[in-house]
Amino acid sequence: CASLQEALADVSVAAALTSRRREIATPLLTPRQAC
């Protein structure tokens, strides 16, 4: 795919893997909590 938006077009649940502090209200989960 040319863009992430294209890659997620038919996806309803997208889990972003991040190791940095983000100024986003979405709760941050560990893999064990999220999976």
PDB file of all heavy atoms in Angstrom:
ATOM      1  N   CYS A   1       0.850  -1.198   0.000  1.00  0.00           N
ATOM      2  CA  CYS A   1       0.000   0.000   0.000  1.00  0.00           C
ATOM      3  C   CYS A   1       0.884   1.246   0.000  1.00  0.00           C
ATOM      4  O   CYS A   1       1.999   1.233   0.514  1.00  0.00           O
ATOM      5  CB  CYS A   1      -0.921   0.018   1.221  1.00  0.00           C
ATOM      6  SG  CYS A   1      -2.106  -1.338   1.276  1.00  0.00           S
ATOM      7  N   ALA A   2       0.332   2.314  -0.541  1.00  0.00           N
ATOM      8  CA  ALA A   2       1.074   3.574  -0.595  1.00  0.00           C
ATOM      9  C   ALA A   2       0.963   4.350   0.705  1.00  0.00           C
ATOM     10  O   ALA A   2       1.827   5.177   1.018  1.00  0.00           O
ATOM     11  CB  ALA A   2       0.583   4.417  -1.761  1.00  0.00           C
ATOM     12  N   SER A   3      -0.100   4.129   1.478  1.00  0.00           N
ATOM     13  CA  SER A   3      -0.306   4.883   2.713  1.00  0.00           C
ATOM     14  C   SER A   3      -0.949   3.999   3.758  1.00  0.00           C
ATOM     15  O   SER A   3      -1.585   2.975   3.436  1.00  0.00           O
ATOM     16  CB  SER A   3      -1.199   6.103   2.462  1.00  0.00           C
ATOM     17  OG  SER A   3      -2.514   5.682   2.143  1.00  0.00           O
ATOM     18  N   LEU A   4      -0.819   4.380   5.018  1.00  0.00           N
ATOM     19  CA  LEU A   4      -1.458   3.629   6.091  1.00  0.00           C
ATOM     20  C   LEU A   4      -2.972   3.732   5.982  1.00  0.00           C
ATOM     21  O   LEU A   4      -3.692   2.781   6.291  1.00  0.00           O
ATOM     22  CB  LEU A   4      -0.976   4.146   7.452  1.00  0.00           C
ATOM     23  CG  LEU A   4      -1.505   3.398   8.673  1.00  0.00           C
ATOM     24  CD1 LEU A   4      -1.156   1.917   8.621  1.00  0.00           C
ATOM     25  CD2 LEU A   4      -0.966   4.019   9.958  1.00  0.00           C
ATOM     26  N   GLN A   5      -3.453   4.867   5.555  1.00  0.00           N
ATOM     27  CA  GLN A   5      -4.901   5.036   5.392  1.00  0.00           C
ATOM     28  C   GLN A   5      -5.447   4.004   4.416  1.00  0.00           C
ATOM     29  O   GLN A   5      -6.507   3.410   4.643  1.00  0.00           O
ATOM     30  CB  GLN A   5      -5.207   6.450   4.907  1.00  0.00           C
ATOM     31  CG  GLN A   5      -6.692   6.789   4.940  1.00  0.00           C
ATOM     32  CD  GLN A   5      -6.929   8.274   4.747  1.00  0.00           C
ATOM     33  OE1 GLN A   5      -6.038   9.009   4.341  1.00  0.00           O
ATOM     34  NE2 GLN A   5      -8.123   8.721   5.060  1.00  0.00           N
ATOM     35  N   GLU A   6      -4.726   3.763   3.336  1.00  0.00           N
ATOM     36  CA  GLU A   6      -5.129   2.737   2.364  1.00  0.00           C
ATOM     37  C   GLU A   6      -5.085   1.351   2.996  1.00  0.00           C
ATOM     38  O   GLU A   6      -5.973   0.525   2.797  1.00  0.00           O
ATOM     39  CB  GLU A   6      -4.206   2.789   1.150  1.00  0.00           C
ATOM     40  CG  GLU A   6      -4.497   1.729   0.104  1.00  0.00           C
ATOM     41  CD  GLU A   6      -3.449   1.698  -1.008  1.00  0.00           C
ATOM     42  OE1 GLU A   6      -2.636   2.648  -1.100  1.00  0.00           O
ATOM     43  OE2 GLU A   6      -3.434   0.707  -1.768  1.00  0.00           O
ATOM     44  N   ALA A   7      -4.045   1.091   3.792  1.00  0.00           N
ATOM     45  CA  ALA A   7      -3.880  -0.230   4.404  1.00  0.00           C
ATOM     46  C   ALA A   7      -4.974  -0.552   5.406  1.00  0.00           C
ATOM     47  O   ALA A   7      -5.302  -1.721   5.627  1.00  0.00           O
ATOM     48  CB  ALA A   7      -2.517  -0.298   5.091  1.00  0.00           C
ATOM     49  N   LEU A   8      -5.562   0.489   6.016  1.00  0.00           N
ATOM     50  CA  LEU A   8      -6.572   0.276   7.061  1.00  0.00           C
ATOM     51  C   LEU A   8      -7.994   0.529   6.568  1.00  0.00           C
ATOM     52  O   LEU A   8      -8.919   0.570   7.377  1.00  0.00           O
ATOM     53  CB  LEU A   8      -6.281   1.199   8.251  1.00  0.00           C
ATOM     54  CG  LEU A   8      -4.914   1.042   8.925  1.00  0.00           C
ATOM     55  CD1 LEU A   8      -4.774   2.034  10.077  1.00  0.00           C
ATOM     56  CD2 LEU A   8      -4.699  -0.384   9.416  1.00  0.00           C
ATOM     57  N   ALA A   9      -8.165   0.651   5.265  1.00  0.00           N
ATOM     58  CA  ALA A   9      -9.468   1.034   4.718  1.00  0.00           C
ATOM     59  C   ALA A   9     -10.594   0.096   5.145  1.00  0.00           C
ATOM     60  O   ALA A   9     -11.706   0.555   5.430  1.00  0.00           O
ATOM     61  CB  ALA A   9      -9.384   1.108   3.195  1.00  0.00           C
ATOM     62  N   ASP A  10     -10.348  -1.193   5.217  1.00  0.00           N
ATOM     63  CA  ASP A  10     -11.406  -2.158   5.562  1.00  0.00           C
ATOM     64  C   ASP A  10     -11.262  -2.693   6.983  1.00  0.00           C
ATOM     65  O   ASP A  10     -11.872  -3.696   7.346  1.00  0.00           O
ATOM     66  CB  ASP A  10     -11.410  -3.318   4.574  1.00  0.00           C
ATOM     67  CG  ASP A  10     -10.114  -4.124   4.622  1.00  0.00           C
ATOM     68  OD1 ASP A  10      -9.078  -3.567   5.023  1.00  0.00           O
ATOM     69  OD2 ASP A  10     -10.146  -5.320   4.249  1.00  0.00           O
ATOM     70  N   VAL A  11     -10.447  -2.015   7.799  1.00  0.00           N
ATOM     71  CA  VAL A  11     -10.175  -2.469   9.166  1.00  0.00           C
ATOM     72  C   VAL A  11     -11.064  -1.729  10.151  1.00  0.00           C
ATOM     73  O   VAL A  11     -11.262  -0.524  10.040  1.00  0.00           O
ATOM     74  CB  VAL A  11      -8.683  -2.223   9.517  1.00  0.00           C
ATOM     75  CG1 VAL A  11      -8.435  -2.403  10.999  1.00  0.00           C
ATOM     76  CG2 VAL A  11      -7.807  -3.173   8.715  1.00  0.00           C
ATOM     77  N   SER A  12     -11.611  -2.464  11.124  1.00  0.00           N
ATOM     78  CA  SER A  12     -12.419  -1.808  12.159  1.00  0.00           C
ATOM     79  C   SER A  12     -11.654  -1.655  13.466  1.00  0.00           C
ATOM     80  O   SER A  12     -12.000  -0.814  14.301  1.00  0.00           O
ATOM     81  CB  SER A  12     -13.713  -2.599  12.407  1.00  0.00           C
ATOM     82  OG  SER A  12     -13.426  -3.937  12.776  1.00  0.00           O
ATOM     83  N   VAL A  13     -10.612  -2.459  13.665  1.00  0.00           N
ATOM     84  CA  VAL A  13      -9.801  -2.369  14.871  1.00  0.00           C
ATOM     85  C   VAL A  13      -8.330  -2.286  14.464  1.00  0.00           C
ATOM     86  O   VAL A  13      -7.793  -3.223  13.879  1.00  0.00           O
ATOM     87  CB  VAL A  13      -9.987  -3.582  15.804  1.00  0.00           C
ATOM     88  CG1 VAL A  13      -9.255  -3.354  17.121  1.00  0.00           C
ATOM     89  CG2 VAL A  13     -11.448  -3.859  16.050  1.00  0.00           C
ATOM     90  N   ALA A  14      -7.704  -1.153  14.735  1.00  0.00           N
ATOM     91  CA  ALA A  14      -6.295  -0.971  14.406  1.00  0.00           C
ATOM     92  C   ALA A  14      -5.527  -0.644  15.673  1.00  0.00           C
ATOM     93  O   ALA A  14      -5.799   0.349  16.340  1.00  0.00           O
ATOM     94  CB  ALA A  14      -6.121   0.153  13.385  1.00  0.00           C
ATOM     95  N   ALA A  15      -4.582  -1.517  16.028  1.00  0.00           N
ATOM     96  CA  ALA A  15      -3.780  -1.332  17.230  1.00  0.00           C
ATOM     97  C   ALA A  15      -2.417  -0.783  16.842  1.00  0.00           C
ATOM     98  O   ALA A  15      -1.650  -1.451  16.139  1.00  0.00           O
ATOM     99  CB  ALA A  15      -3.629  -2.648  17.977  1.00  0.00           C
ATOM    100  N   ALA A  16      -2.121   0.423  17.275  1.00  0.00           N
ATOM    101  CA  ALA A  16      -0.838   1.055  16.979  1.00  0.00           C
ATOM    102  C   ALA A  16       0.174   0.673  18.036  1.00  0.00           C
ATOM    103  O   ALA A  16      -0.074   0.841  19.235  1.00  0.00           O
ATOM    104  CB  ALA A  16      -0.997   2.572  16.917  1.00  0.00           C
ATOM    105  N   LEU A  17       1.312   0.168  17.613  1.00  0.00           N
ATOM    106  CA  LEU A  17       2.384  -0.175  18.543  1.00  0.00           C
ATOM    107  C   LEU A  17       3.298   1.035  18.714  1.00  0.00           C
ATOM    108  O   LEU A  17       3.862   1.539  17.745  1.00  0.00           O
ATOM    109  CB  LEU A  17       3.183  -1.368  18.016  1.00  0.00           C
ATOM    110  CG  LEU A  17       2.657  -2.757  18.385  1.00  0.00           C
ATOM    111  CD1 LEU A  17       2.800  -2.998  19.875  1.00  0.00           C
ATOM    112  CD2 LEU A  17       1.223  -2.949  17.931  1.00  0.00           C
ATOM    113  N   THR A  18       3.409   1.501  19.935  1.00  0.00           N
ATOM    114  CA  THR A  18       4.207   2.694  20.188  1.00  0.00           C
ATOM    115  C   THR A  18       4.989   2.530  21.473  1.00  0.00           C
ATOM    116  O   THR A  18       4.532   1.868  22.415  1.00  0.00           O
ATOM    117  CB  THR A  18       3.316   3.949  20.276  1.00  0.00           C
ATOM    118  OG1 THR A  18       4.139   5.083  20.558  1.00  0.00           O
ATOM    119  CG2 THR A  18       2.259   3.809  21.357  1.00  0.00           C
ATOM    120  N   SER A  19       6.178   3.116  21.509  1.00  0.00           N
ATOM    121  CA  SER A  19       6.982   3.092  22.732  1.00  0.00           C
ATOM    122  C   SER A  19       7.235   4.500  23.233  1.00  0.00           C
ATOM    123  O   SER A  19       8.026   4.703  24.147  1.00  0.00           O
ATOM    124  CB  SER A  19       8.326   2.383  22.467  1.00  0.00           C
ATOM    125  OG  SER A  19       9.057   3.053  21.460  1.00  0.00           O
ATOM    126  N   ARG A  20       6.563   5.480  22.649  1.00  0.00           N
ATOM    127  CA  ARG A  20       6.757   6.875  23.048  1.00  0.00           C
ATOM    128  C   ARG A  20       5.504   7.429  23.713  1.00  0.00           C
ATOM    129  O   ARG A  20       4.386   6.987  23.445  1.00  0.00           O
ATOM    130  CB  ARG A  20       7.093   7.732  21.822  1.00  0.00           C
ATOM    131  CG  ARG A  20       8.457   7.427  21.224  1.00  0.00           C
ATOM    132  CD  ARG A  20       8.752   8.366  20.079  1.00  0.00           C
ATOM    133  NE  ARG A  20       7.898   8.115  18.931  1.00  0.00           N
ATOM    134  CZ  ARG A  20       7.751   8.958  17.916  1.00  0.00           C
ATOM    135  NH1 ARG A  20       8.367  10.123  17.929  1.00  0.00           N
ATOM    136  NH2 ARG A  20       6.978   8.652  16.890  1.00  0.00           N
ATOM    137  N   ARG A  21       5.695   8.400  24.584  1.00  0.00           N
ATOM    138  CA  ARG A  21       4.580   9.066  25.226  1.00  0.00           C
ATOM    139  C   ARG A  21       3.804   9.862  24.164  1.00  0.00           C
ATOM    140  O   ARG A  21       4.391  10.598  23.365  1.00  0.00           O
ATOM    141  CB  ARG A  21       5.076  10.018  26.311  1.00  0.00           C
ATOM    142  CG  ARG A  21       3.962  10.661  27.129  1.00  0.00           C
ATOM    143  CD  ARG A  21       4.549  11.677  28.098  1.00  0.00           C
ATOM    144  NE  ARG A  21       5.461  11.039  29.036  1.00  0.00           N
ATOM    145  CZ  ARG A  21       5.073  10.493  30.173  1.00  0.00           C
ATOM    146  NH1 ARG A  21       3.795  10.484  30.504  1.00  0.00           N
ATOM    147  NH2 ARG A  21       5.957   9.947  30.982  1.00  0.00           N
ATOM    148  N   ARG A  22       2.505   9.672  24.112  1.00  0.00           N
ATOM    149  CA  ARG A  22       1.685  10.347  23.117  1.00  0.00           C
ATOM    150  C   ARG A  22       0.646  11.217  23.815  1.00  0.00           C
ATOM    151  O   ARG A  22       0.052  10.811  24.824  1.00  0.00           O
ATOM    152  CB  ARG A  22       0.946   9.321  22.235  1.00  0.00           C
ATOM    153  CG  ARG A  22       1.859   8.315  21.539  1.00  0.00           C
ATOM    154  CD  ARG A  22       2.500   8.879  20.298  1.00  0.00           C
ATOM    155  NE  ARG A  22       3.245   7.848  19.564  1.00  0.00           N
ATOM    156  CZ  ARG A  22       3.798   8.038  18.383  1.00  0.00           C
ATOM    157  NH1 ARG A  22       3.700   9.217  17.784  1.00  0.00           N
ATOM    158  NH2 ARG A  22       4.460   7.058  17.800  1.00  0.00           N
ATOM    159  N   GLU A  23       0.405  12.374  23.262  1.00  0.00           N
ATOM    160  CA  GLU A  23      -0.627  13.247  23.820  1.00  0.00           C
ATOM    161  C   GLU A  23      -1.966  12.913  23.178  1.00  0.00           C
ATOM    162  O   GLU A  23      -2.582  13.713  22.488  1.00  0.00           O
ATOM    163  CB  GLU A  23      -0.250  14.710  23.589  1.00  0.00           C
ATOM    164  CG  GLU A  23       0.979  15.138  24.375  1.00  0.00           C
ATOM    165  CD  GLU A  23       1.290  16.608  24.197  1.00  0.00           C
ATOM    166  OE1 GLU A  23       0.523  17.301  23.502  1.00  0.00           O
ATOM    167  OE2 GLU A  23       2.311  17.061  24.742  1.00  0.00           O
ATOM    168  N   ILE A  24      -2.394  11.663  23.455  1.00  0.00           N
ATOM    169  CA  ILE A  24      -3.650  11.157  22.906  1.00  0.00           C
ATOM    170  C   ILE A  24      -4.424  10.545  24.068  1.00  0.00           C
ATOM    171  O   ILE A  24      -3.859   9.870  24.932  1.00  0.00           O
ATOM    172  CB  ILE A  24      -3.389  10.102  21.811  1.00  0.00           C
ATOM    173  CG1 ILE A  24      -2.625  10.745  20.642  1.00  0.00           C
ATOM    174  CG2 ILE A  24      -4.683   9.497  21.316  1.00  0.00           C
ATOM    175  CD1 ILE A  24      -2.236   9.769  19.553  1.00  0.00           C
ATOM    176  N   ALA A  25      -5.719  10.761  24.068  1.00  0.00           N
ATOM    177  CA  ALA A  25      -6.536  10.311  25.200  1.00  0.00           C
ATOM    178  C   ALA A  25      -6.773   8.805  25.200  1.00  0.00           C
ATOM    179  O   ALA A  25      -7.196   8.245  26.211  1.00  0.00           O
ATOM    180  CB  ALA A  25      -7.876  11.049  25.187  1.00  0.00           C
ATOM    181  N   THR A  26      -6.513   8.139  24.080  1.00  0.00           N
ATOM    182  CA  THR A  26      -6.737   6.693  24.003  1.00  0.00           C
ATOM    183  C   THR A  26      -5.907   5.971  25.064  1.00  0.00           C
ATOM    184  O   THR A  26      -4.702   6.225  25.184  1.00  0.00           O
ATOM    185  CB  THR A  26      -6.344   6.165  22.611  1.00  0.00           C
ATOM    186  OG1 THR A  26      -7.053   6.894  21.614  1.00  0.00           O
ATOM    187  CG2 THR A  26      -6.657   4.685  22.484  1.00  0.00           C
ATOM    188  N   PRO A  27      -6.516   5.066  25.839  1.00  0.00           N
ATOM    189  CA  PRO A  27      -5.761   4.348  26.880  1.00  0.00           C
ATOM    190  C   PRO A  27      -4.614   3.542  26.281  1.00  0.00           C
ATOM    191  O   PRO A  27      -4.728   2.982  25.191  1.00  0.00           O
ATOM    192  CB  PRO A  27      -6.817   3.426  27.509  1.00  0.00           C
ATOM    193  CG  PRO A  27      -8.126   4.062  27.185  1.00  0.00           C
ATOM    194  CD  PRO A  27      -7.947   4.717  25.847  1.00  0.00           C
ATOM    195  N   LEU A  28      -3.510   3.480  26.996  1.00  0.00           N
ATOM    196  CA  LEU A  28      -2.344   2.725  26.558  1.00  0.00           C
ATOM    197  C   LEU A  28      -2.376   1.353  27.220  1.00  0.00           C
ATOM    198  O   LEU A  28      -2.436   1.243  28.442  1.00  0.00           O
ATOM    199  CB  LEU A  28      -1.070   3.476  26.944  1.00  0.00           C
ATOM    200  CG  LEU A  28       0.255   2.958  26.374  1.00  0.00           C
ATOM    201  CD1 LEU A  28       0.241   3.011  24.856  1.00  0.00           C
ATOM    202  CD2 LEU A  28       1.418   3.775  26.931  1.00  0.00           C
ATOM    203  N   LEU A  29      -2.315   0.288  26.407  1.00  0.00           N
ATOM    204  CA  LEU A  29      -2.433  -1.075  26.904  1.00  0.00           C
ATOM    205  C   LEU A  29      -1.151  -1.856  26.652  1.00  0.00           C
ATOM    206  O   LEU A  29      -0.422  -1.585  25.702  1.00  0.00           O
ATOM    207  CB  LEU A  29      -3.594  -1.796  26.211  1.00  0.00           C
ATOM    208  CG  LEU A  29      -4.974  -1.142  26.290  1.00  0.00           C
ATOM    209  CD1 LEU A  29      -5.967  -1.920  25.441  1.00  0.00           C
ATOM    210  CD2 LEU A  29      -5.449  -1.070  27.729  1.00  0.00           C
ATOM    211  N   THR A  30      -0.904  -2.839  27.505  1.00  0.00           N
ATOM    212  CA  THR A  30       0.168  -3.789  27.234  1.00  0.00           C
ATOM    213  C   THR A  30      -0.374  -4.846  26.266  1.00  0.00           C
ATOM    214  O   THR A  30      -1.597  -5.007  26.126  1.00  0.00           O
ATOM    215  CB  THR A  30       0.637  -4.482  28.518  1.00  0.00           C
ATOM    216  OG1 THR A  30      -0.432  -5.304  29.021  1.00  0.00           O
ATOM    217  CG2 THR A  30       1.061  -3.477  29.572  1.00  0.00           C
ATOM    218  N   PRO A  31       0.498  -5.604  25.601  1.00  0.00           N
ATOM    219  CA  PRO A  31       0.018  -6.680  24.730  1.00  0.00           C
ATOM    220  C   PRO A  31      -0.888  -7.669  25.462  1.00  0.00           C
ATOM    221  O   PRO A  31      -1.896  -8.113  24.919  1.00  0.00           O
ATOM    222  CB  PRO A  31       1.311  -7.341  24.251  1.00  0.00           C
ATOM    223  CG  PRO A  31       2.304  -6.234  24.248  1.00  0.00           C
ATOM    224  CD  PRO A  31       1.964  -5.417  25.472  1.00  0.00           C
ATOM    225  N   ARG A  32      -0.552  -7.988  26.686  1.00  0.00           N
ATOM    226  CA  ARG A  32      -1.365  -8.952  27.442  1.00  0.00           C
ATOM    227  C   ARG A  32      -2.753  -8.415  27.738  1.00  0.00           C
ATOM    228  O   ARG A  32      -3.727  -9.169  27.782  1.00  0.00           O
ATOM    229  CB  ARG A  32      -0.640  -9.324  28.737  1.00  0.00           C
ATOM    230  CG  ARG A  32      -1.242 -10.505  29.468  1.00  0.00           C
ATOM    231  CD  ARG A  32      -0.205 -11.205  30.307  1.00  0.00           C
ATOM    232  NE  ARG A  32       0.864 -11.742  29.483  1.00  0.00           N
ATOM    233  CZ  ARG A  32       1.984 -12.304  29.980  1.00  0.00           C
ATOM    234  NH1 ARG A  32       2.152 -12.383  31.286  1.00  0.00           N
ATOM    235  NH2 ARG A  32       2.904 -12.773  29.165  1.00  0.00           N
ATOM    236  N   GLN A  33      -2.844  -7.124  27.942  1.00  0.00           N
ATOM    237  CA  GLN A  33      -4.152  -6.514  28.176  1.00  0.00           C
ATOM    238  C   GLN A  33      -4.962  -6.385  26.887  1.00  0.00           C
ATOM    239  O   GLN A  33      -6.175  -6.561  26.888  1.00  0.00           O
ATOM    240  CB  GLN A  33      -3.972  -5.126  28.803  1.00  0.00           C
ATOM    241  CG  GLN A  33      -3.408  -5.145  30.210  1.00  0.00           C
ATOM    242  CD  GLN A  33      -2.974  -3.761  30.678  1.00  0.00           C
ATOM    243  OE1 GLN A  33      -2.602  -2.901  29.872  1.00  0.00           O
ATOM    244  NE2 GLN A  33      -3.028  -3.522  31.986  1.00  0.00           N
ATOM    245  N   ALA A  34      -4.283  -6.087  25.799  1.00  0.00           N
ATOM    246  CA  ALA A  34      -4.981  -5.790  24.557  1.00  0.00           C
ATOM    247  C   ALA A  34      -5.386  -7.029  23.763  1.00  0.00           C
ATOM    248  O   ALA A  34      -6.435  -7.042  23.109  1.00  0.00           O
ATOM    249  CB  ALA A  34      -4.099  -4.898  23.672  1.00  0.00           C
ATOM    250  N   CYS A  35      -4.579  -8.078  23.805  1.00  0.00           N
ATOM    251  CA  CYS A  35      -4.765  -9.194  22.880  1.00  0.00           C
ATOM    252  C   CYS A  35      -6.062  -9.981  23.058  1.00  0.00           C
ATOM    253  O   CYS A  35      -6.652 -10.407  22.053  1.00  0.00           O
ATOM    254  CB  CYS A  35      -3.557 -10.126  22.938  1.00  0.00           C
ATOM    255  SG  CYS A  35      -2.135  -9.432  22.051  1.00  0.00           S
TER     256      CYS A  35
END
